[in-house]
């Protein structure tokens, strides 16, 4: 192609240069991490000029018009997996890890959307248990035993579906928990931002972002994923407010999508894209002439992106669970379970412990 032909193609067919229509050695725009949130728009570096040989275009099914939906079951399954599967992988939880666990659980209590009362009390009890023990190191066995007692008592996941909904992959090897964890994280930041929580935590840093980071740093079982996440965090400013955390997490998620696009772990029916798509959020991005004159570049409207994320993960937008299970513990069984828990504490802590076990309808959550 001549330079003139290339410029005309760039001008009138920018969609031909997106990753969705290219494969192999065809070139599309690459993602550029943003260092902070000081500007109103984020730009991608210009794509390399189309090769002068005729490209062998491959027609791919367009999945970009698939609506962005969130289901409560996916959020709750992520919480369940973090607490019952990933954290118990640690042979021992030291003081720093117990404090990270407290921060994460505190984030879940404050910002999980549509949180049921029994689940909230379960999270509070698990959060306060290490503190009641003086944040001394606990073994894997001690954690799992305490967790089992709390789960038995509160039944926090009794209405949670047995399968992922919008995080279900085209086969069992795709998506699932990683997708649900991103869903949980986005839901936490969206609710925190909507609450307009102006309290200053962690020396002026966003408390919801700190809770997410603490979990990834200390408990995320995919070490390579955690390292990439932390590397992304180090490449940009840490959010000062929960409102900034919405875009902070969005940026990190798109970094991961860019890195994993075309990877063997990518579900072919749910390709990694720079989210949100133009189809789902027309005002979130636009194509513009590159500043250096080489083709087109993608420009993000950050205020629109933030509002779109808040809308998608709004409590009223999240589809609720429809499963109702039977077999909850009787009041007598709950009381017996509570007493068993209290007997496991040192006698010096029984009278002063806080929220180690909240007896439903009789004890206040903060006792």
Protein backbone atom coordinates (compact mmCIF):
# COMPACT_ATOMS: atom_id res chain seq x y z
CA UNK A 1 0.00 0.00 0.00
CA UNK A 2 1.09 3.59 -0.57
CA UNK A 3 1.21 5.98 2.39
CA UNK A 4 -1.83 7.74 0.99
CA UNK A 5 -3.79 4.49 0.83
CA UNK A 6 -2.77 3.63 4.39
CA UNK A 7 -3.97 7.01 5.67
CA UNK A 8 -7.31 6.60 3.92
CA UNK A 9 -7.73 3.12 5.40
CA UNK A 10 -6.89 4.44 8.86
CA UNK A 11 -9.35 7.30 8.48
CA UNK A 12 -12.40 5.45 7.24
CA UNK A 13 -11.91 1.95 8.62
CA UNK A 14 -10.43 2.28 12.12
CA UNK A 15 -12.32 -0.80 13.24
CA UNK A 16 -10.20 -2.86 10.85
CA UNK A 17 -7.24 -2.06 13.05
CA UNK A 18 -8.73 -3.35 16.31
CA UNK A 19 -7.54 -6.61 17.76
CA UNK A 20 -10.94 -8.21 17.16
CA UNK A 21 -10.41 -8.45 13.41
CA UNK A 22 -6.73 -9.30 13.34
CA UNK A 23 -4.66 -12.38 14.00
CA UNK A 24 -1.18 -13.74 13.44
CA UNK A 25 1.23 -11.04 12.37
CA UNK A 26 -1.47 -8.43 11.79
CA UNK A 27 -0.98 -5.37 13.93
CA UNK A 28 -3.58 -3.70 16.14
CA UNK A 29 -3.31 -0.97 18.78
CA UNK A 30 -1.62 -2.01 22.02
CA UNK A 31 -2.63 -0.99 25.52
CA UNK A 32 -0.66 1.68 27.32
CA UNK A 33 -0.85 1.81 31.14
CA UNK A 34 -1.80 5.14 32.63
CA UNK A 35 0.32 6.69 35.33
CA UNK A 36 -2.36 8.25 37.45
CA UNK A 37 -5.61 10.01 36.78
CA UNK A 38 -4.53 13.56 36.10
CA UNK A 39 -6.07 13.90 32.65
CA UNK A 40 -9.61 13.55 31.35
CA UNK A 41 -8.68 11.07 28.63
CA UNK A 42 -6.28 8.18 28.15
CA UNK A 43 -4.64 7.57 24.79
CA UNK A 44 -3.10 4.48 23.25
CA UNK A 45 0.16 4.70 21.31
CA UNK A 46 -0.39 4.70 17.55
CA UNK A 47 -0.45 1.29 15.89
CA UNK A 48 2.30 0.32 13.49
CA UNK A 49 1.46 0.99 9.84
CA UNK A 50 -0.26 -1.86 8.05
CA UNK A 51 2.27 -4.08 6.33
CA UNK A 52 2.77 -3.34 2.64
CA UNK A 53 2.05 -6.95 1.70
CA UNK A 54 -1.60 -7.90 1.40
CA UNK A 55 -2.74 -9.02 4.87
CA UNK A 56 -4.51 -12.36 5.16
CA UNK A 57 -7.52 -11.20 7.16
CA UNK A 58 -9.20 -13.80 9.30
CA UNK A 59 -12.90 -13.41 9.96
CA UNK A 60 -13.65 -13.79 13.66
CA UNK A 61 -17.00 -13.85 15.37
CA UNK A 62 -17.69 -10.51 17.03
CA UNK A 63 -18.44 -10.96 20.73
CA UNK A 64 -18.20 -7.26 21.59
CA UNK A 65 -21.96 -6.76 21.51
CA UNK A 66 -22.44 -9.25 24.36
CA UNK A 67 -23.97 -7.26 27.21
CA UNK A 68 -21.95 -6.72 30.38
CA UNK A 69 -23.93 -8.48 33.10
CA UNK A 70 -23.20 -9.32 36.73
CA UNK A 71 -24.77 -12.04 38.88
CA UNK A 72 -24.76 -12.24 42.67
CA UNK A 73 -23.81 -15.91 42.54
CA UNK A 74 -20.53 -15.07 40.78
CA UNK A 75 -19.69 -12.52 43.49
CA UNK A 76 -20.53 -14.89 46.33
CA UNK A 77 -18.68 -17.82 44.76
CA UNK A 78 -15.59 -15.63 44.59
CA UNK A 79 -15.89 -14.80 48.29
CA UNK A 80 -16.46 -18.44 49.14
CA UNK A 81 -13.44 -19.60 47.15
CA UNK A 82 -11.10 -16.97 48.62
CA UNK A 83 -12.00 -17.90 52.18
CA UNK A 84 -12.40 -21.67 51.87
CA UNK A 85 -9.86 -22.57 49.19
CA UNK A 86 -7.13 -19.99 48.65
CA UNK A 87 -6.41 -18.72 52.15
CA UNK A 88 -6.22 -22.28 53.59
CA UNK A 89 -3.38 -22.98 51.13
CA UNK A 90 -1.13 -21.16 53.57
CA UNK A 91 0.42 -23.60 56.04
CA UNK A 92 0.49 -20.84 58.63
CA UNK A 93 -0.90 -17.32 58.82
CA UNK A 94 1.61 -14.97 60.40
CA UNK A 95 0.80 -11.59 61.94
CA UNK A 96 1.15 -9.62 58.68
CA UNK A 97 -1.06 -12.08 56.83
CA UNK A 98 -3.68 -11.97 59.58
CA UNK A 99 -3.75 -8.19 59.33
CA UNK A 100 -4.09 -8.45 55.54
CA UNK A 101 -6.96 -10.90 56.08
CA UNK A 102 -8.61 -8.45 58.48
CA UNK A 103 -8.34 -5.64 55.91
CA UNK A 104 -9.80 -7.82 53.15
CA UNK A 105 -12.68 -9.04 55.31
CA UNK A 106 -13.37 -5.47 56.43
CA UNK A 107 -13.58 -4.46 52.76
CA UNK A 108 -16.04 -7.29 52.10
CA UNK A 109 -18.21 -6.30 55.06
CA UNK A 110 -18.37 -2.65 54.01
CA UNK A 111 -18.62 -2.88 50.24
CA UNK A 112 -20.01 -6.22 49.06
CA UNK A 113 -23.25 -5.44 47.19
CA UNK A 114 -26.50 -7.09 48.26
CA UNK A 115 -24.84 -8.63 51.30
CA UNK A 116 -27.23 -10.85 53.25
CA UNK A 117 -27.41 -10.43 57.02
CA UNK A 118 -26.17 -13.94 57.84
CA UNK A 119 -23.26 -13.51 55.42
CA UNK A 120 -22.41 -10.12 56.92
CA UNK A 121 -22.34 -11.56 60.43
CA UNK A 122 -20.23 -14.47 59.22
CA UNK A 123 -17.66 -12.08 57.72
CA UNK A 124 -17.63 -9.94 60.87
CA UNK A 125 -17.05 -12.97 63.08
CA UNK A 126 -14.23 -14.24 60.88
CA UNK A 127 -12.73 -10.75 60.71
CA UNK A 128 -12.66 -10.29 64.48
CA UNK A 129 -11.38 -13.74 65.39
CA UNK A 130 -7.66 -13.09 64.69
CA UNK A 131 -7.87 -9.81 66.62
CA UNK A 132 -9.41 -11.57 69.59
CA UNK A 133 -6.47 -13.96 69.47
CA UNK A 134 -4.07 -11.01 69.55
CA UNK A 135 -3.08 -11.38 65.88
CA UNK A 136 -0.77 -14.18 66.85
CA UNK A 137 0.13 -16.62 64.11
CA UNK A 138 -2.36 -19.41 63.52
CA UNK A 139 -1.94 -22.70 61.73
CA UNK A 140 -3.75 -23.86 58.63
CA UNK A 141 -5.64 -26.37 60.73
CA UNK A 142 -6.78 -23.74 63.26
CA UNK A 143 -8.05 -21.49 60.50
CA UNK A 144 -9.97 -24.26 58.76
CA UNK A 145 -11.54 -25.46 62.00
CA UNK A 146 -12.69 -21.96 62.92
CA UNK A 147 -13.95 -21.34 59.40
CA UNK A 148 -15.92 -24.61 59.41
CA UNK A 149 -17.64 -23.69 62.70
CA UNK A 150 -18.58 -20.25 61.40
CA UNK A 151 -19.87 -21.64 58.10
CA UNK A 152 -21.92 -24.24 59.94
CA UNK A 153 -23.37 -21.63 62.26
CA UNK A 154 -24.18 -18.84 59.80
CA UNK A 155 -24.75 -20.76 56.56
CA UNK A 156 -23.38 -17.73 54.63
CA UNK A 157 -23.57 -19.35 51.19
CA UNK A 158 -26.85 -21.24 51.53
CA UNK A 159 -28.44 -19.27 48.67
CA UNK A 160 -25.35 -19.18 46.45
CA UNK A 161 -25.70 -21.09 43.19
CA UNK A 162 -23.66 -24.21 42.59
CA UNK A 163 -22.35 -22.99 39.22
CA UNK A 164 -20.99 -19.74 37.87
CA UNK A 165 -23.45 -17.73 35.83
CA UNK A 166 -21.88 -14.94 33.77
CA UNK A 167 -18.40 -16.18 34.68
CA UNK A 168 -19.06 -19.64 33.33
CA UNK A 169 -16.66 -20.44 30.49
CA UNK A 170 -17.24 -22.35 27.27
CA UNK A 171 -15.62 -25.30 29.09
CA UNK A 172 -14.63 -26.03 32.68
CA UNK A 173 -11.01 -25.00 31.98
CA UNK A 174 -11.91 -21.40 31.16
CA UNK A 175 -12.94 -18.39 33.22
CA UNK A 176 -14.69 -19.45 36.45
CA UNK A 177 -12.94 -18.25 39.61
CA UNK A 178 -10.53 -15.71 38.01
CA UNK A 179 -13.47 -14.05 36.27
CA UNK A 180 -15.51 -14.04 39.48
CA UNK A 181 -12.63 -12.51 41.44
CA UNK A 182 -12.42 -9.59 38.97
CA UNK A 183 -16.21 -9.31 39.23
CA UNK A 184 -15.99 -9.14 43.03
CA UNK A 185 -13.22 -6.54 42.92
CA UNK A 186 -15.11 -4.32 40.46
CA UNK A 187 -18.29 -4.63 42.54
CA UNK A 188 -16.38 -3.59 45.67
CA UNK A 189 -14.89 -0.49 44.05
CA UNK A 190 -18.20 0.50 42.47
CA UNK A 191 -20.13 0.33 45.74
CA UNK A 192 -17.37 2.08 47.66
CA UNK A 193 -17.41 4.92 45.13
CA UNK A 194 -21.19 5.22 45.17
CA UNK A 195 -21.20 5.43 48.95
CA UNK A 196 -18.95 8.48 48.64
CA UNK A 197 -17.00 7.32 51.66
CA UNK A 198 -14.69 10.25 52.41
CA UNK A 199 -13.06 8.75 55.47
CA UNK A 200 -9.28 8.72 55.27
CA UNK A 201 -7.76 5.28 55.80
CA UNK A 202 -4.25 3.98 55.41
CA UNK A 203 -2.64 7.43 55.37
CA UNK A 204 -4.88 8.87 52.67
CA UNK A 205 -5.06 5.84 50.38
CA UNK A 206 -8.28 4.25 49.15
CA UNK A 207 -9.41 1.66 51.68
CA UNK A 208 -11.14 -0.53 49.08
CA UNK A 209 -8.03 -0.53 46.87
CA UNK A 210 -5.90 -1.43 49.88
CA UNK A 211 -8.19 -4.33 50.76
CA UNK A 212 -7.95 -5.70 47.21
CA UNK A 213 -4.18 -5.26 47.06
CA UNK A 214 -3.71 -6.94 50.44
CA UNK A 215 -5.57 -9.99 49.22
CA UNK A 216 -3.66 -10.29 45.95
CA UNK A 217 -0.28 -9.76 47.62
CA UNK A 218 -0.81 -12.27 50.38
CA UNK A 219 -3.28 -14.91 49.23
CA UNK A 220 -3.83 -15.06 45.47
CA UNK A 221 -2.67 -18.56 44.56
CA UNK A 222 -1.56 -17.70 41.01
CA UNK A 223 1.86 -16.30 41.82
CA UNK A 224 2.55 -15.13 38.28
CA UNK A 225 -0.82 -13.34 38.16
CA UNK A 226 -0.17 -11.69 41.51
CA UNK A 227 3.26 -10.49 40.39
CA UNK A 228 1.81 -8.95 37.23
CA UNK A 229 -0.93 -7.29 39.28
CA UNK A 230 1.60 -5.79 41.70
CA UNK A 231 3.81 -4.71 38.80
CA UNK A 232 0.82 -2.89 37.34
CA UNK A 233 0.12 -1.22 40.67
CA UNK A 234 3.73 -0.05 40.85
CA UNK A 235 3.49 1.45 37.36
CA UNK A 236 0.76 3.94 38.33
CA UNK A 237 -0.34 6.14 41.19
CA UNK A 238 -2.15 4.42 44.03
CA UNK A 239 -5.68 5.84 44.34
CA UNK A 240 -6.26 8.32 47.14
CA UNK A 241 -10.04 7.92 47.15
CA UNK A 242 -12.48 5.10 46.56
CA UNK A 243 -13.82 6.99 43.55
CA UNK A 244 -10.35 6.89 41.97
CA UNK A 245 -10.13 3.17 42.77
CA UNK A 246 -12.80 2.43 40.14
CA UNK A 247 -10.48 3.54 37.32
CA UNK A 248 -7.41 2.17 39.07
CA UNK A 249 -8.86 -1.36 38.99
CA UNK A 250 -10.23 -0.89 35.46
CA UNK A 251 -6.73 0.05 34.32
CA UNK A 252 -5.22 -3.01 36.00
CA UNK A 253 -7.87 -5.28 34.47
CA UNK A 254 -7.20 -3.97 30.96
CA UNK A 255 -3.48 -4.47 31.52
CA UNK A 256 -4.21 -8.11 32.34
CA UNK A 257 -6.50 -8.43 29.32
CA UNK A 258 -3.82 -7.03 27.04
CA UNK A 259 -1.22 -9.43 28.43
CA UNK A 260 -3.47 -12.50 28.21
CA UNK A 261 -5.04 -11.77 24.83
CA UNK A 262 -4.25 -14.78 22.62
CA UNK A 263 -2.87 -16.73 25.59
CA UNK A 264 -3.69 -20.43 25.89
CA UNK A 265 -5.82 -19.62 28.95
CA UNK A 266 -8.09 -17.31 26.95
CA UNK A 267 -11.60 -18.63 26.35
CA UNK A 268 -12.12 -18.49 22.56
CA UNK A 269 -15.76 -17.56 23.09
CA UNK A 270 -14.87 -14.77 25.54
CA UNK A 271 -11.81 -13.08 24.00
CA UNK A 272 -9.82 -10.59 26.04
CA UNK A 273 -10.55 -7.04 24.92
CA UNK A 274 -9.87 -3.53 26.12
CA UNK A 275 -13.03 -3.12 28.14
CA UNK A 276 -15.64 -1.74 27.87
CA UNK A 277 -16.33 -2.34 24.20
CA UNK A 278 -17.52 0.40 21.88
CA UNK A 279 -20.75 -1.52 21.38
CA UNK A 280 -21.60 -1.58 25.10
CA UNK A 281 -20.39 1.91 25.92
CA UNK A 282 -20.28 4.12 22.80
CA UNK A 283 -19.26 7.19 24.80
CA UNK A 284 -16.43 5.49 26.70
CA UNK A 285 -13.91 5.64 23.86
CA UNK A 286 -13.30 7.11 20.43
CA UNK A 287 -10.79 6.89 17.61
CA UNK A 288 -8.75 9.99 16.93
CA UNK A 289 -5.83 11.06 14.76
CA UNK A 290 -2.50 10.20 16.33
CA UNK A 291 -0.51 13.14 17.66
CA UNK A 292 2.50 12.08 15.59
CA UNK A 293 0.49 11.60 12.41
CA UNK A 294 0.81 7.82 12.18
CA UNK A 295 -2.68 6.38 11.87
CA UNK A 296 -5.37 6.46 14.53
CA UNK A 297 -5.29 6.02 18.29
CA UNK A 298 -7.91 5.04 20.84
CA UNK A 299 -8.88 7.69 23.38
CA UNK A 300 -10.71 6.85 26.61
CA UNK A 301 -13.20 9.19 28.23
CA UNK A 302 -12.41 8.41 31.86
CA UNK A 303 -15.47 10.04 33.37
CA UNK A 304 -17.72 7.98 31.08
CA UNK A 305 -15.79 4.79 31.85
CA UNK A 306 -16.17 5.36 35.58
CA UNK A 307 -19.92 6.01 35.31
CA UNK A 308 -20.36 2.96 33.09
CA UNK A 309 -18.60 0.71 35.62
CA UNK A 310 -20.71 2.12 38.46
CA UNK A 311 -23.86 1.43 36.45
CA UNK A 312 -22.91 -2.15 35.53
CA UNK A 313 -21.94 -3.07 39.10
CA UNK A 314 -24.70 -1.13 40.81
CA UNK A 315 -26.57 -3.22 43.38
CA UNK A 316 -29.82 -2.76 41.48
CA UNK A 317 -28.20 -3.94 38.23
CA UNK A 318 -26.80 -7.15 39.70
CA UNK A 319 -29.01 -10.18 39.14
CA UNK A 320 -30.00 -11.80 42.40
CA UNK A 321 -29.81 -15.43 43.49
CA UNK A 322 -32.97 -17.45 43.15
CA UNK A 323 -31.81 -20.51 45.07
CA UNK A 324 -33.36 -21.09 48.49
CA UNK A 325 -31.96 -23.96 50.49
CA UNK A 326 -33.38 -25.83 53.46
CA UNK A 327 -31.62 -27.35 56.40
CA UNK A 328 -30.40 -24.26 58.25
CA UNK A 329 -29.27 -24.75 61.83
CA UNK A 330 -31.85 -24.59 64.60
CA UNK A 331 -31.51 -22.00 67.36
CA UNK A 332 -30.38 -24.73 69.75
CA UNK A 333 -27.71 -25.86 67.31
CA UNK A 334 -26.54 -22.27 66.78
CA UNK A 335 -26.20 -21.71 70.52
CA UNK A 336 -24.26 -24.94 70.97
CA UNK A 337 -21.95 -24.01 68.09
CA UNK A 338 -21.37 -20.57 69.62
CA UNK A 339 -20.47 -22.05 72.99
CA UNK A 340 -18.07 -24.47 71.32
CA UNK A 341 -16.34 -21.54 69.66
CA UNK A 342 -16.04 -19.56 72.89
CA UNK A 343 -14.61 -22.58 74.73
CA UNK A 344 -11.82 -22.73 72.14
CA UNK A 345 -10.52 -19.32 73.25
CA UNK A 346 -8.09 -18.76 76.12
CA UNK A 347 -10.07 -17.96 79.28
CA UNK A 348 -8.45 -14.53 79.46
CA UNK A 349 -10.05 -13.56 76.15
CA UNK A 350 -13.55 -14.96 76.52
CA UNK A 351 -14.92 -11.99 78.47
CA UNK A 352 -13.34 -9.37 76.23
CA UNK A 353 -13.48 -10.96 72.81
CA UNK A 354 -15.32 -8.96 70.15
CA UNK A 355 -17.48 -10.46 67.43
CA UNK A 356 -15.83 -13.88 67.68
CA UNK A 357 -19.28 -15.34 67.47
CA UNK A 358 -22.43 -13.25 67.15
CA UNK A 359 -25.51 -15.02 68.39
CA UNK A 360 -28.27 -14.17 65.98
CA UNK A 361 -31.23 -12.17 67.42
CA UNK A 362 -29.65 -11.99 70.88
CA UNK A 363 -26.19 -10.42 70.53
CA UNK A 364 -25.36 -7.25 68.67
CA UNK A 365 -22.83 -7.59 65.80
CA UNK A 366 -20.36 -5.31 67.57
CA UNK A 367 -20.25 -7.19 70.86
